[in-house]
Amino acid sequence: MATHVLDNKTPYEMLYKKVPNLKHLPVWDCHVKVHSTNGSKLNMCAIDGRWMGFDHNSNGH
């Protein structure tokens, strides 16, 4: 029988020896404000949106 390498721990726990703090992680589909570059600088710079997850191609959400 094979043993589990991580023993039911996250990679973060294995590296830092503590449980990661996830309290600031957004809830999927929650209301967010999204930065918008449309319009002049006197207009609002954000539009309403829904958080859908992290973008794998950038450091953004």
N, C-alpha and C. Protein backbone atom coordinates (compact mmCIF):
# COMPACT_ATOMS: atom_id res chain seq x y z
N MET A 1 0.84 -1.19 0.00
CA MET A 1 0.00 0.00 0.00
C MET A 1 0.88 1.25 0.00
N ALA A 2 0.62 2.15 -0.93
CA ALA A 2 1.43 3.37 -1.06
C ALA A 2 1.05 4.38 0.00
N THR A 3 2.02 5.08 0.52
CA THR A 3 1.75 6.15 1.48
C THR A 3 1.57 7.46 0.72
N HIS A 4 0.77 8.35 1.27
CA HIS A 4 0.55 9.65 0.65
C HIS A 4 1.72 10.56 0.96
N VAL A 5 2.21 11.23 -0.05
CA VAL A 5 3.38 12.09 0.10
C VAL A 5 3.05 13.31 0.96
N LEU A 6 1.88 13.91 0.78
CA LEU A 6 1.53 15.13 1.50
C LEU A 6 0.78 14.87 2.81
N ASP A 7 0.37 13.64 3.07
CA ASP A 7 -0.35 13.30 4.30
C ASP A 7 -1.54 14.24 4.55
N ASN A 8 -2.36 14.47 3.52
CA ASN A 8 -3.56 15.33 3.59
C ASN A 8 -3.23 16.77 3.97
N LYS A 9 -2.08 17.26 3.57
CA LYS A 9 -1.69 18.65 3.81
C LYS A 9 -1.50 19.34 2.46
N THR A 10 -1.66 20.65 2.48
CA THR A 10 -1.43 21.42 1.26
C THR A 10 0.08 21.57 1.06
N PRO A 11 0.52 21.86 -0.17
CA PRO A 11 1.95 22.13 -0.38
C PRO A 11 2.46 23.28 0.49
N TYR A 12 1.60 24.29 0.72
CA TYR A 12 1.97 25.41 1.59
C TYR A 12 2.29 24.91 3.00
N GLU A 13 1.43 24.03 3.54
CA GLU A 13 1.66 23.48 4.88
C GLU A 13 2.97 22.70 4.95
N MET A 14 3.26 21.95 3.92
CA MET A 14 4.49 21.17 3.92
C MET A 14 5.72 22.08 3.86
N LEU A 15 5.62 23.19 3.15
CA LEU A 15 6.76 24.09 2.99
C LEU A 15 6.97 24.98 4.21
N TYR A 16 5.86 25.57 4.73
CA TYR A 16 5.97 26.56 5.81
C TYR A 16 5.60 26.03 7.18
N LYS A 17 5.14 24.78 7.28
CA LYS A 17 4.80 24.13 8.55
C LYS A 17 3.67 24.85 9.29
N LYS A 18 2.76 25.47 8.54
CA LYS A 18 1.57 26.08 9.13
C LYS A 18 0.45 26.07 8.09
N VAL A 19 -0.78 26.14 8.57
CA VAL A 19 -1.96 26.12 7.71
C VAL A 19 -2.08 27.47 7.01
N PRO A 20 -2.37 27.51 5.69
CA PRO A 20 -2.49 28.79 4.99
C PRO A 20 -3.73 29.57 5.46
N ASN A 21 -3.62 30.89 5.46
CA ASN A 21 -4.73 31.77 5.83
C ASN A 21 -5.56 32.03 4.58
N LEU A 22 -6.76 31.51 4.53
CA LEU A 22 -7.62 31.66 3.34
C LEU A 22 -8.79 32.61 3.57
N LYS A 23 -8.75 33.39 4.65
CA LYS A 23 -9.92 34.23 4.96
C LYS A 23 -10.13 35.36 3.96
N HIS A 24 -9.10 35.76 3.21
CA HIS A 24 -9.27 36.83 2.21
C HIS A 24 -9.50 36.29 0.81
N LEU A 25 -9.59 34.99 0.66
CA LEU A 25 -9.86 34.39 -0.64
C LEU A 25 -11.31 34.67 -1.03
N PRO A 26 -11.55 35.27 -2.18
CA PRO A 26 -12.92 35.59 -2.58
C PRO A 26 -13.77 34.34 -2.79
N VAL A 27 -15.05 34.47 -2.52
CA VAL A 27 -16.00 33.39 -2.76
C VAL A 27 -16.38 33.41 -4.23
N TRP A 28 -16.40 32.25 -4.87
CA TRP A 28 -16.73 32.17 -6.29
C TRP A 28 -18.09 32.79 -6.55
N ASP A 29 -18.20 33.61 -7.58
CA ASP A 29 -19.41 34.29 -8.04
C ASP A 29 -19.85 35.42 -7.11
N CYS A 30 -18.96 35.94 -6.26
CA CYS A 30 -19.34 37.07 -5.42
C CYS A 30 -19.23 38.37 -6.22
N HIS A 31 -19.88 39.42 -5.75
CA HIS A 31 -19.90 40.72 -6.41
C HIS A 31 -18.53 41.38 -6.26
N VAL A 32 -17.97 41.89 -7.36
CA VAL A 32 -16.68 42.59 -7.35
C VAL A 32 -16.77 43.83 -8.23
N LYS A 33 -15.84 44.72 -8.06
CA LYS A 33 -15.66 45.87 -8.95
C LYS A 33 -14.48 45.56 -9.86
N VAL A 34 -14.65 45.75 -11.17
CA VAL A 34 -13.62 45.44 -12.15
C VAL A 34 -13.10 46.74 -12.74
N HIS A 35 -11.76 46.90 -12.78
CA HIS A 35 -11.15 48.11 -13.32
C HIS A 35 -11.46 48.23 -14.81
N SER A 36 -11.86 49.43 -15.22
CA SER A 36 -12.19 49.69 -16.62
C SER A 36 -11.37 50.87 -17.10
N THR A 37 -10.80 50.75 -18.29
CA THR A 37 -10.02 51.86 -18.87
C THR A 37 -10.84 52.65 -19.88
N ASN A 38 -12.12 52.33 -20.04
CA ASN A 38 -12.98 53.03 -21.00
C ASN A 38 -13.41 54.38 -20.44
N GLY A 39 -13.59 55.35 -21.32
CA GLY A 39 -14.07 56.66 -20.93
C GLY A 39 -12.96 57.60 -20.50
N SER A 40 -13.36 58.76 -20.03
CA SER A 40 -12.38 59.76 -19.59
C SER A 40 -12.02 59.51 -18.13
N LYS A 41 -11.02 60.25 -17.66
CA LYS A 41 -10.60 60.06 -16.27
C LYS A 41 -11.60 60.63 -15.27
N LEU A 42 -12.60 61.37 -15.75
CA LEU A 42 -13.64 61.89 -14.87
C LEU A 42 -14.78 60.88 -14.67
N ASN A 43 -14.86 59.88 -15.53
CA ASN A 43 -15.88 58.84 -15.39
C ASN A 43 -15.45 57.81 -14.36
N MET A 44 -16.39 56.95 -13.96
CA MET A 44 -16.04 55.87 -13.04
C MET A 44 -15.03 54.94 -13.70
N CYS A 45 -14.10 54.45 -12.93
CA CYS A 45 -13.05 53.57 -13.45
C CYS A 45 -13.32 52.11 -13.11
N ALA A 46 -14.51 51.80 -12.64
CA ALA A 46 -14.82 50.41 -12.28
C ALA A 46 -16.23 50.07 -12.74
N ILE A 47 -16.41 48.81 -13.09
CA ILE A 47 -17.74 48.30 -13.46
C ILE A 47 -18.06 47.12 -12.56
N ASP A 48 -19.34 46.81 -12.42
CA ASP A 48 -19.76 45.67 -11.62
C ASP A 48 -19.43 44.37 -12.33
N GLY A 49 -19.07 43.37 -11.56
CA GLY A 49 -18.75 42.07 -12.13
C GLY A 49 -18.92 40.96 -11.11
N ARG A 50 -18.61 39.76 -11.50
CA ARG A 50 -18.66 38.57 -10.64
C ARG A 50 -17.30 37.92 -10.63
N TRP A 51 -16.81 37.50 -9.46
CA TRP A 51 -15.51 36.84 -9.35
C TRP A 51 -15.65 35.41 -9.82
N MET A 52 -14.87 35.05 -10.83
CA MET A 52 -14.97 33.72 -11.43
C MET A 52 -13.72 32.88 -11.19
N GLY A 53 -12.68 33.45 -10.59
CA GLY A 53 -11.48 32.68 -10.31
C GLY A 53 -10.23 33.42 -10.75
N PHE A 54 -9.11 32.75 -10.64
CA PHE A 54 -7.83 33.32 -11.01
C PHE A 54 -7.54 33.08 -12.47
N ASP A 55 -6.88 34.02 -13.12
CA ASP A 55 -6.49 33.90 -14.51
C ASP A 55 -5.15 33.17 -14.57
N HIS A 56 -5.10 32.06 -15.27
CA HIS A 56 -3.88 31.26 -15.36
C HIS A 56 -2.82 31.90 -16.25
N ASN A 57 -3.20 32.89 -17.05
CA ASN A 57 -2.25 33.53 -17.96
C ASN A 57 -1.67 34.83 -17.43
N SER A 58 -2.12 35.28 -16.26
CA SER A 58 -1.60 36.52 -15.69
C SER A 58 -1.68 36.43 -14.17
N ASN A 59 -1.28 37.51 -13.51
CA ASN A 59 -1.36 37.56 -12.05
C ASN A 59 -2.71 38.10 -11.58
N GLY A 60 -3.64 38.30 -12.49
CA GLY A 60 -4.93 38.88 -12.16
C GLY A 60 -5.98 37.86 -11.78
N HIS A 61 -7.13 38.38 -11.44
CA HIS A 61 -8.28 37.54 -11.09
C HIS A 61 -9.23 37.49 -12.27
